[in-house]
Amino acid sequence: MTAQPVLYLSHGAPPLADDALWTEQLARWSTGLARPAAILIVSAHWEEAPLAIGATETVPLTYDFWGFPERYYQVRYPAPGAPELAAKVRKLLRGKGTPVQDEPARGLDHGAYVPLVEMFPDADVPVLQISMPTLDPATLLEIGRKLAPLRDEGVLIIGSGFFTHNLSGLSMSRDPGHTPPAWSSEFDDWGDRAIAEHDLDALVDFQRKAPAARLAHPRTEHFAPLFVALGATVDSPGEQRAVIDGFWYGLSKRSWQFG
């Protein structure tokens, strides 16, 4: 079995479903991927320590957003649970010193299901979500490294965040593709080059090394899933490419495929 790649994607928000360009980009991306045996996803919207494993059977989605039209709360994504994958995750992490707990009632949050609805619309691939126990880049890199063997078993590992994420700088009254603010475009350019050059040291220290880092990420939870993705390929980097770029209401939607 050929090893699955690892993805870091910018997942948008529930209104992503209304963006014809972005949904088409995500759908086209998935058609170029070998069908995974299962999906393991880490979302910016679940921080919990010790590291938690979400529902291993199909449970209702977690609608972790407020103030949106009712139709966004009617979205369903009944993907099969992945109990066998959960057992493998526990073994890999606990065997190398990472504590793990179970959260059997927690369904997929919007950082998980919003992009998956576009990429795997039939909801027929088992999906397992795990939490980020910390936002520390070095720790998340190591978690990704521990999970890397799953790639050889057909598991598609996805880190779901947003390449720049400052909601106070969001301008929803303008066209979605409007010229981004300098802090977003400068951080996007720096991050693109750092990833392309495999500059892990700079990426781990992005809060000090990247231009406009504090504006691009006032809080770092949307950049953090990138480090799980990088960790899962750090020992066998292979090919990598930015599959999606551009901006959405000023935020960078850059998304990567590794391996």
C-alpha atoms as a PDB file:
ATOM      1  CA  MET A   1       0.000   0.000   0.000  1.00  0.00           C
ATOM      2  CA  THR A   2       1.341   3.420  -0.972  1.00  0.00           C
ATOM      3  CA  ALA A   3       1.661   5.804   1.951  1.00  0.00           C
ATOM      4  CA  GLN A   4      -1.044   8.437   2.138  1.00  0.00           C
ATOM      5  CA  PRO A   5       0.014  12.076   1.915  1.00  0.00           C
ATOM      6  CA  VAL A   6      -0.600  14.495   4.777  1.00  0.00           C
ATOM      7  CA  LEU A   7      -2.662  17.648   4.376  1.00  0.00           C
ATOM      8  CA  TYR A   8      -2.791  21.019   6.036  1.00  0.00           C
ATOM      9  CA  LEU A   9      -5.839  22.920   4.879  1.00  0.00           C
ATOM     10  CA  SER A  10      -7.481  26.208   5.629  1.00  0.00           C
ATOM     11  CA  HIS A  11     -11.022  25.245   6.493  1.00  0.00           C
ATOM     12  CA  GLY A  12     -12.890  28.524   6.400  1.00  0.00           C
ATOM     13  CA  ALA A  13     -16.103  28.799   8.394  1.00  0.00           C
ATOM     14  CA  PRO A  14     -19.625  27.450   7.756  1.00  0.00           C
ATOM     15  CA  PRO A  15     -20.140  29.983   4.905  1.00  0.00           C
ATOM     16  CA  LEU A  16     -17.344  28.254   2.973  1.00  0.00           C
ATOM     17  CA  ALA A  17     -20.170  26.133   1.562  1.00  0.00           C
ATOM     18  CA  ASP A  18     -21.404  29.233  -0.280  1.00  0.00           C
ATOM     19  CA  ASP A  19     -18.061  30.002  -1.920  1.00  0.00           C
ATOM     20  CA  ALA A  20     -18.156  28.356  -5.347  1.00  0.00           C
ATOM     21  CA  LEU A  21     -14.432  28.778  -5.990  1.00  0.00           C
ATOM     22  CA  TRP A  22     -13.185  27.410  -2.687  1.00  0.00           C
ATOM     23  CA  THR A  23     -15.570  24.464  -2.599  1.00  0.00           C
ATOM     24  CA  GLU A  24     -14.529  23.567  -6.151  1.00  0.00           C
ATOM     25  CA  GLN A  25     -10.847  23.757  -5.163  1.00  0.00           C
ATOM     26  CA  LEU A  26     -11.381  21.402  -2.237  1.00  0.00           C
ATOM     27  CA  ALA A  27     -13.449  18.983  -4.300  1.00  0.00           C
ATOM     28  CA  ARG A  28     -10.863  18.925  -7.092  1.00  0.00           C
ATOM     29  CA  TRP A  29      -8.079  18.349  -4.567  1.00  0.00           C
ATOM     30  CA  SER A  30      -9.760  15.242  -3.202  1.00  0.00           C
ATOM     31  CA  THR A  31     -10.177  13.704  -6.661  1.00  0.00           C
ATOM     32  CA  GLY A  32      -6.395  13.537  -6.956  1.00  0.00           C
ATOM     33  CA  LEU A  33      -6.012  11.595  -3.718  1.00  0.00           C
ATOM     34  CA  ALA A  34      -6.070   7.834  -3.392  1.00  0.00           C
ATOM     35  CA  ARG A  35      -9.125   6.782  -1.422  1.00  0.00           C
ATOM     36  CA  PRO A  36      -8.061   6.612   2.229  1.00  0.00           C
ATOM     37  CA  ALA A  37      -8.908   3.735   4.517  1.00  0.00           C
ATOM     38  CA  ALA A  38      -9.708   6.330   7.186  1.00  0.00           C
ATOM     39  CA  ILE A  39      -9.144   9.985   7.996  1.00  0.00           C
ATOM     40  CA  LEU A  40      -7.473  11.306  11.147  1.00  0.00           C
ATOM     41  CA  ILE A  41      -8.100  15.022  11.574  1.00  0.00           C
ATOM     42  CA  VAL A  42      -6.762  17.650  13.962  1.00  0.00           C
ATOM     43  CA  SER A  43      -8.802  20.849  14.038  1.00  0.00           C
ATOM     44  CA  ALA A  44      -8.025  24.316  15.338  1.00  0.00           C
ATOM     45  CA  HIS A  45     -11.301  24.140  17.215  1.00  0.00           C
ATOM     46  CA  TRP A  46     -10.488  21.386  19.666  1.00  0.00           C
ATOM     47  CA  GLU A  47      -7.897  22.050  22.329  1.00  0.00           C
ATOM     48  CA  GLU A  48      -7.941  19.617  25.219  1.00  0.00           C
ATOM     49  CA  ALA A  49      -5.291  18.086  27.415  1.00  0.00           C
ATOM     50  CA  PRO A  50      -4.448  15.309  27.767  1.00  0.00           C
ATOM     51  CA  LEU A  51      -4.864  14.623  24.072  1.00  0.00           C
ATOM     52  CA  ALA A  52      -8.421  13.418  23.514  1.00  0.00           C
ATOM     53  CA  ILE A  53      -9.877  11.041  20.966  1.00  0.00           C
ATOM     54  CA  GLY A  54     -13.357  11.947  19.762  1.00  0.00           C
ATOM     55  CA  ALA A  55     -16.287   9.676  19.085  1.00  0.00           C
ATOM     56  CA  THR A  56     -15.403   6.303  17.588  1.00  0.00           C
ATOM     57  CA  GLU A  57     -18.956   5.849  16.321  1.00  0.00           C
ATOM     58  CA  THR A  58     -21.229   8.211  14.437  1.00  0.00           C
ATOM     59  CA  VAL A  59     -22.618  10.885  16.761  1.00  0.00           C
ATOM     60  CA  PRO A  60     -24.140  14.331  16.030  1.00  0.00           C
ATOM     61  CA  LEU A  61     -21.802  17.019  14.774  1.00  0.00           C
ATOM     62  CA  THR A  62     -20.478  19.706  17.102  1.00  0.00           C
ATOM     63  CA  TYR A  63     -21.844  23.061  15.886  1.00  0.00           C
ATOM     64  CA  ASP A  64     -19.208  25.144  17.611  1.00  0.00           C
ATOM     65  CA  PHE A  65     -20.208  28.536  16.207  1.00  0.00           C
ATOM     66  CA  TRP A  66     -22.808  31.152  17.003  1.00  0.00           C
ATOM     67  CA  GLY A  67     -24.914  33.742  15.233  1.00  0.00           C
ATOM     68  CA  PHE A  68     -25.125  32.092  11.816  1.00  0.00           C
ATOM     69  CA  PRO A  69     -28.293  31.420   9.797  1.00  0.00           C
ATOM     70  CA  GLU A  70     -30.173  28.282  10.802  1.00  0.00           C
ATOM     71  CA  ARG A  71     -29.267  26.400   7.610  1.00  0.00           C
ATOM     72  CA  TYR A  72     -25.660  26.069   8.783  1.00  0.00           C
ATOM     73  CA  TYR A  73     -26.881  24.131  11.815  1.00  0.00           C
ATOM     74  CA  GLN A  74     -28.783  21.695   9.592  1.00  0.00           C
ATOM     75  CA  VAL A  75     -25.643  20.346   7.891  1.00  0.00           C
ATOM     76  CA  ARG A  76     -25.129  16.630   8.497  1.00  0.00           C
ATOM     77  CA  TYR A  77     -22.025  14.538   7.935  1.00  0.00           C
ATOM     78  CA  PRO A  78     -22.665  10.976   9.209  1.00  0.00           C
ATOM     79  CA  ALA A  79     -19.219   9.545   8.483  1.00  0.00           C
ATOM     80  CA  PRO A  80     -18.553   6.091   9.919  1.00  0.00           C
ATOM     81  CA  GLY A  81     -16.673   5.948  13.193  1.00  0.00           C
ATOM     82  CA  ALA A  82     -13.135   4.606  13.291  1.00  0.00           C
ATOM     83  CA  PRO A  83     -12.688   2.475  16.435  1.00  0.00           C
ATOM     84  CA  GLU A  84      -9.822   0.475  14.929  1.00  0.00           C
ATOM     85  CA  LEU A  85      -7.974   3.678  14.069  1.00  0.00           C
ATOM     86  CA  ALA A  86      -8.615   4.990  17.574  1.00  0.00           C
ATOM     87  CA  ALA A  87      -6.983   1.869  19.026  1.00  0.00           C
ATOM     88  CA  LYS A  88      -3.937   2.392  16.820  1.00  0.00           C
ATOM     89  CA  VAL A  89      -3.697   6.059  17.816  1.00  0.00           C
ATOM     90  CA  ARG A  90      -3.822   5.133  21.503  1.00  0.00           C
ATOM     91  CA  LYS A  91      -1.096   2.535  21.020  1.00  0.00           C
ATOM     92  CA  LEU A  92       1.194   4.838  19.041  1.00  0.00           C
ATOM     93  CA  LEU A  93       0.859   7.775  21.412  1.00  0.00           C
ATOM     94  CA  ARG A  94       0.754   6.018  24.765  1.00  0.00           C
ATOM     95  CA  GLY A  95       3.594   3.754  23.711  1.00  0.00           C
ATOM     96  CA  LYS A  96       5.772   6.831  23.270  1.00  0.00           C
ATOM     97  CA  GLY A  97       4.742   8.696  26.372  1.00  0.00           C
ATOM     98  CA  THR A  98       1.795  10.842  25.250  1.00  0.00           C
ATOM     99  CA  PRO A  99      -1.235  10.555  27.576  1.00  0.00           C
ATOM    100  CA  VAL A 100      -4.539   9.911  25.802  1.00  0.00           C
ATOM    101  CA  GLN A 101      -8.146  10.150  26.943  1.00  0.00           C
ATOM    102  CA  ASP A 102     -11.461   9.363  25.257  1.00  0.00           C
ATOM    103  CA  GLU A 103     -14.348  11.747  24.558  1.00  0.00           C
ATOM    104  CA  PRO A 104     -16.953   9.351  23.095  1.00  0.00           C
ATOM    105  CA  ALA A 105     -19.744  11.923  22.864  1.00  0.00           C
ATOM    106  CA  ARG A 106     -17.838  14.615  20.970  1.00  0.00           C
ATOM    107  CA  GLY A 107     -18.772  14.777  17.312  1.00  0.00           C
ATOM    108  CA  LEU A 108     -16.752  16.358  14.524  1.00  0.00           C
ATOM    109  CA  ASP A 109     -16.498  20.141  14.843  1.00  0.00           C
ATOM    110  CA  HIS A 110     -16.733  22.596  11.970  1.00  0.00           C
ATOM    111  CA  GLY A 111     -12.970  22.593  11.449  1.00  0.00           C
ATOM    112  CA  ALA A 112     -13.380  18.935  10.529  1.00  0.00           C
ATOM    113  CA  TYR A 113     -16.712  18.523   8.801  1.00  0.00           C
ATOM    114  CA  VAL A 114     -16.850  21.794   6.818  1.00  0.00           C
ATOM    115  CA  PRO A 115     -13.924  20.821   4.534  1.00  0.00           C
ATOM    116  CA  LEU A 116     -14.802  17.104   4.565  1.00  0.00           C
ATOM    117  CA  VAL A 117     -18.289  17.828   3.230  1.00  0.00           C
ATOM    118  CA  GLU A 118     -16.617  19.285   0.146  1.00  0.00           C
ATOM    119  CA  MET A 119     -13.781  16.769  -0.196  1.00  0.00           C
ATOM    120  CA  PHE A 120     -15.559  13.514   0.690  1.00  0.00           C
ATOM    121  CA  PRO A 121     -19.240  14.412   0.251  1.00  0.00           C
ATOM    122  CA  ASP A 122     -20.523  10.836   0.451  1.00  0.00           C
ATOM    123  CA  ALA A 123     -19.406  10.630   4.107  1.00  0.00           C
ATOM    124  CA  ASP A 124     -18.357   7.038   3.511  1.00  0.00           C
ATOM    125  CA  VAL A 125     -14.776   7.210   4.814  1.00  0.00           C
ATOM    126  CA  PRO A 126     -14.316   6.572   8.568  1.00  0.00           C
ATOM    127  CA  VAL A 127     -13.235   9.759  10.350  1.00  0.00           C
ATOM    128  CA  LEU A 128     -11.569  10.191  13.728  1.00  0.00           C
ATOM    129  CA  GLN A 129     -10.814  13.554  15.321  1.00  0.00           C
ATOM    130  CA  ILE A 130      -8.226  14.134  18.023  1.00  0.00           C
ATOM    131  CA  SER A 131      -7.592  17.220  20.102  1.00  0.00           C
ATOM    132  CA  MET A 132      -4.520  19.403  20.338  1.00  0.00           C
ATOM    133  CA  PRO A 133      -3.226  19.059  23.909  1.00  0.00           C
ATOM    134  CA  THR A 134      -1.088  22.177  23.490  1.00  0.00           C
ATOM    135  CA  LEU A 135      -0.329  24.901  20.968  1.00  0.00           C
ATOM    136  CA  ASP A 136       3.422  24.433  21.364  1.00  0.00           C
ATOM    137  CA  PRO A 137       4.827  23.800  17.861  1.00  0.00           C
ATOM    138  CA  ALA A 138       7.620  21.449  18.977  1.00  0.00           C
ATOM    139  CA  THR A 139       5.217  19.251  20.926  1.00  0.00           C
ATOM    140  CA  LEU A 140       2.770  19.112  18.031  1.00  0.00           C
ATOM    141  CA  LEU A 141       5.587  18.199  15.642  1.00  0.00           C
ATOM    142  CA  GLU A 142       6.435  15.264  17.878  1.00  0.00           C
ATOM    143  CA  ILE A 143       2.797  14.135  18.009  1.00  0.00           C
ATOM    144  CA  GLY A 144       2.716  14.192  14.223  1.00  0.00           C
ATOM    145  CA  ARG A 145       5.912  12.163  14.098  1.00  0.00           C
ATOM    146  CA  LYS A 146       4.376   9.532  16.389  1.00  0.00           C
ATOM    147  CA  LEU A 147       1.311   9.292  14.156  1.00  0.00           C
ATOM    148  CA  ALA A 148       3.303   9.010  10.923  1.00  0.00           C
ATOM    149  CA  PRO A 149       3.177   5.168  10.723  1.00  0.00           C
ATOM    150  CA  LEU A 150      -0.563   5.416  10.116  1.00  0.00           C
ATOM    151  CA  ARG A 151       0.151   6.777   6.644  1.00  0.00           C
ATOM    152  CA  ASP A 152       1.415   3.357   5.582  1.00  0.00           C
ATOM    153  CA  GLU A 153      -1.920   1.873   6.645  1.00  0.00           C
ATOM    154  CA  GLY A 154      -3.934   4.091   4.346  1.00  0.00           C
ATOM    155  CA  VAL A 155      -4.798   6.797   6.877  1.00  0.00           C
ATOM    156  CA  LEU A 156      -5.072  10.350   5.568  1.00  0.00           C
ATOM    157  CA  ILE A 157      -3.831  12.735   8.274  1.00  0.00           C
ATOM    158  CA  ILE A 158      -5.263  16.260   8.040  1.00  0.00           C
ATOM    159  CA  GLY A 159      -4.389  19.363  10.015  1.00  0.00           C
ATOM    160  CA  SER A 160      -7.247  21.837   9.664  1.00  0.00           C
ATOM    161  CA  GLY A 161      -6.702  25.505  10.484  1.00  0.00           C
ATOM    162  CA  PHE A 162      -6.341  28.792   8.610  1.00  0.00           C
ATOM    163  CA  PHE A 163      -3.017  30.050   7.274  1.00  0.00           C
ATOM    164  CA  THR A 164      -3.770  33.527   8.601  1.00  0.00           C
ATOM    165  CA  HIS A 165      -6.518  34.073  11.136  1.00  0.00           C
ATOM    166  CA  ASN A 166      -7.409  37.434  12.601  1.00  0.00           C
ATOM    167  CA  LEU A 167     -11.175  37.830  12.717  1.00  0.00           C
ATOM    168  CA  SER A 168     -10.913  41.476  13.760  1.00  0.00           C
ATOM    169  CA  GLY A 169      -9.301  42.093  10.364  1.00  0.00           C
ATOM    170  CA  LEU A 170     -12.035  40.289   8.450  1.00  0.00           C
ATOM    171  CA  SER A 171     -13.937  42.494   6.023  1.00  0.00           C
ATOM    172  CA  MET A 172     -17.122  40.611   5.110  1.00  0.00           C
ATOM    173  CA  SER A 173     -18.706  43.682   3.511  1.00  0.00           C
ATOM    174  CA  ARG A 174     -16.310  43.496   0.559  1.00  0.00           C
ATOM    175  CA  ASP A 175     -15.804  40.943  -2.201  1.00  0.00           C
ATOM    176  CA  PRO A 176     -14.314  37.663  -0.859  1.00  0.00           C
ATOM    177  CA  GLY A 177     -11.303  38.012  -3.158  1.00  0.00           C
ATOM    178  CA  HIS A 178     -10.449  41.608  -2.282  1.00  0.00           C
ATOM    179  CA  THR A 179      -6.817  42.644  -1.872  1.00  0.00           C
ATOM    180  CA  PRO A 180      -5.686  41.355   1.527  1.00  0.00           C
ATOM    181  CA  PRO A 181      -4.211  43.544   4.239  1.00  0.00           C
ATOM    182  CA  ALA A 182      -0.413  43.701   4.314  1.00  0.00           C
ATOM    183  CA  TRP A 183      -0.129  41.684   7.523  1.00  0.00           C
ATOM    184  CA  SER A 184      -1.951  38.754   5.899  1.00  0.00           C
ATOM    185  CA  SER A 185      -0.095  38.813   2.573  1.00  0.00           C
ATOM    186  CA  GLU A 186       3.308  39.249   4.234  1.00  0.00           C
ATOM    187  CA  PHE A 187       2.767  36.348   6.615  1.00  0.00           C
ATOM    188  CA  ASP A 188       1.401  34.197   3.782  1.00  0.00           C
ATOM    189  CA  ASP A 189       4.471  34.867   1.632  1.00  0.00           C
ATOM    190  CA  TRP A 190       6.859  34.162   4.508  1.00  0.00           C
ATOM    191  CA  GLY A 191       5.076  30.933   5.459  1.00  0.00           C
ATOM    192  CA  ASP A 192       4.974  29.741   1.864  1.00  0.00           C
ATOM    193  CA  ARG A 193       8.716  30.219   1.499  1.00  0.00           C
ATOM    194  CA  ALA A 194       9.564  28.713   4.896  1.00  0.00           C
ATOM    195  CA  ILE A 195       7.588  25.557   4.146  1.00  0.00           C
ATOM    196  CA  ALA A 196       8.993  25.272   0.616  1.00  0.00           C
ATOM    197  CA  GLU A 197      12.520  25.553   2.023  1.00  0.00           C
ATOM    198  CA  HIS A 198      11.824  23.022   4.822  1.00  0.00           C
ATOM    199  CA  ASP A 199      12.851  25.662   7.368  1.00  0.00           C
ATOM    200  CA  LEU A 200      11.388  23.946  10.413  1.00  0.00           C
ATOM    201  CA  ASP A 201      13.417  26.030  12.837  1.00  0.00           C
ATOM    202  CA  ALA A 202      11.889  29.239  11.500  1.00  0.00           C
ATOM    203  CA  LEU A 203       8.393  27.762  11.406  1.00  0.00           C
ATOM    204  CA  VAL A 204       8.568  26.524  14.984  1.00  0.00           C
ATOM    205  CA  ASP A 205       9.688  30.012  16.021  1.00  0.00           C
ATOM    206  CA  PHE A 206       7.194  31.746  13.723  1.00  0.00           C
ATOM    207  CA  GLN A 207       5.906  34.090  16.405  1.00  0.00           C
ATOM    208  CA  ARG A 208       9.317  35.773  16.440  1.00  0.00           C
ATOM    209  CA  LYS A 209      10.560  35.039  12.918  1.00  0.00           C
ATOM    210  CA  ALA A 210       7.541  35.742  10.711  1.00  0.00           C
ATOM    211  CA  PRO A 211       6.518  39.238   9.667  1.00  0.00           C
ATOM    212  CA  ALA A 212       3.272  40.447  11.236  1.00  0.00           C
ATOM    213  CA  ALA A 213       2.928  37.174  13.154  1.00  0.00           C
ATOM    214  CA  ARG A 214       0.971  38.746  16.008  1.00  0.00           C
ATOM    215  CA  LEU A 215      -1.503  40.246  13.549  1.00  0.00           C
ATOM    216  CA  ALA A 216      -1.761  37.168  11.356  1.00  0.00           C
ATOM    217  CA  HIS A 217      -2.320  34.978  14.427  1.00  0.00           C
ATOM    218  CA  PRO A 218      -3.320  36.924  17.560  1.00  0.00           C
ATOM    219  CA  ARG A 219      -3.878  33.444  18.956  1.00  0.00           C
ATOM    220  CA  THR A 220      -2.082  30.564  17.267  1.00  0.00           C
ATOM    221  CA  GLU A 221      -4.631  27.739  17.255  1.00  0.00           C
ATOM    222  CA  HIS A 222      -5.255  27.991  13.498  1.00  0.00           C
ATOM    223  CA  PHE A 223      -1.579  27.718  12.590  1.00  0.00           C
ATOM    224  CA  ALA A 224      -0.930  24.961  15.133  1.00  0.00           C
ATOM    225  CA  PRO A 225      -2.413  22.028  13.130  1.00  0.00           C
ATOM    226  CA  LEU A 226       0.270  22.673  10.525  1.00  0.00           C
ATOM    227  CA  PHE A 227       2.859  21.301  12.945  1.00  0.00           C
ATOM    228  CA  VAL A 228       1.054  17.977  13.323  1.00  0.00           C
ATOM    229  CA  ALA A 229       1.040  17.707   9.527  1.00  0.00           C
ATOM    230  CA  LEU A 230       4.715  18.629   9.266  1.00  0.00           C
ATOM    231  CA  GLY A 231       5.616  16.174  12.013  1.00  0.00           C
ATOM    232  CA  ALA A 232       3.880  13.324  10.203  1.00  0.00           C
ATOM    233  CA  THR A 233       6.191  13.838   7.217  1.00  0.00           C
ATOM    234  CA  VAL A 234       9.352  15.230   8.820  1.00  0.00           C
ATOM    235  CA  ASP A 235      11.218  11.908   8.611  1.00  0.00           C
ATOM    236  CA  SER A 236      10.174  11.267   4.995  1.00  0.00           C
ATOM    237  CA  PRO A 237       9.345  14.671   3.502  1.00  0.00           C
ATOM    238  CA  GLY A 238       8.904  13.668  -0.140  1.00  0.00           C
ATOM    239  CA  GLU A 239       7.060  15.948  -2.531  1.00  0.00           C
ATOM    240  CA  GLN A 240       5.144  18.905  -1.180  1.00  0.00           C
ATOM    241  CA  ARG A 241       3.044  21.560  -2.831  1.00  0.00           C
ATOM    242  CA  ALA A 242       0.670  24.372  -2.013  1.00  0.00           C
ATOM    243  CA  VAL A 243      -2.562  23.083  -3.526  1.00  0.00           C
ATOM    244  CA  ILE A 244      -4.730  26.111  -2.712  1.00  0.00           C
ATOM    245  CA  ASP A 245      -3.616  29.697  -2.327  1.00  0.00           C
ATOM    246  CA  GLY A 246      -5.244  33.108  -2.435  1.00  0.00           C
ATOM    247  CA  PHE A 247      -7.293  34.941   0.145  1.00  0.00           C
ATOM    248  CA  TRP A 248     -10.830  34.873   1.505  1.00  0.00           C
ATOM    249  CA  TYR A 249     -12.044  38.181   2.923  1.00  0.00           C
ATOM    250  CA  GLY A 250      -8.410  39.059   3.590  1.00  0.00           C
ATOM    251  CA  LEU A 251      -7.354  35.786   5.238  1.00  0.00           C
ATOM    252  CA  SER A 252      -4.903  33.423   3.559  1.00  0.00           C
ATOM    253  CA  LYS A 253      -6.495  30.114   2.599  1.00  0.00           C
ATOM    254  CA  ARG A 254      -3.156  28.540   1.636  1.00  0.00           C
ATOM    255  CA  SER A 255      -3.332  24.758   1.943  1.00  0.00           C
ATOM    256  CA  TRP A 256      -0.596  22.164   1.545  1.00  0.00           C
ATOM    257  CA  GLN A 257      -0.096  18.541   0.581  1.00  0.00           C
ATOM    258  CA  PHE A 258       2.975  16.788   1.965  1.00  0.00           C
ATOM    259  CA  GLY A 259       4.337  13.460   0.769  1.00  0.00           C
END
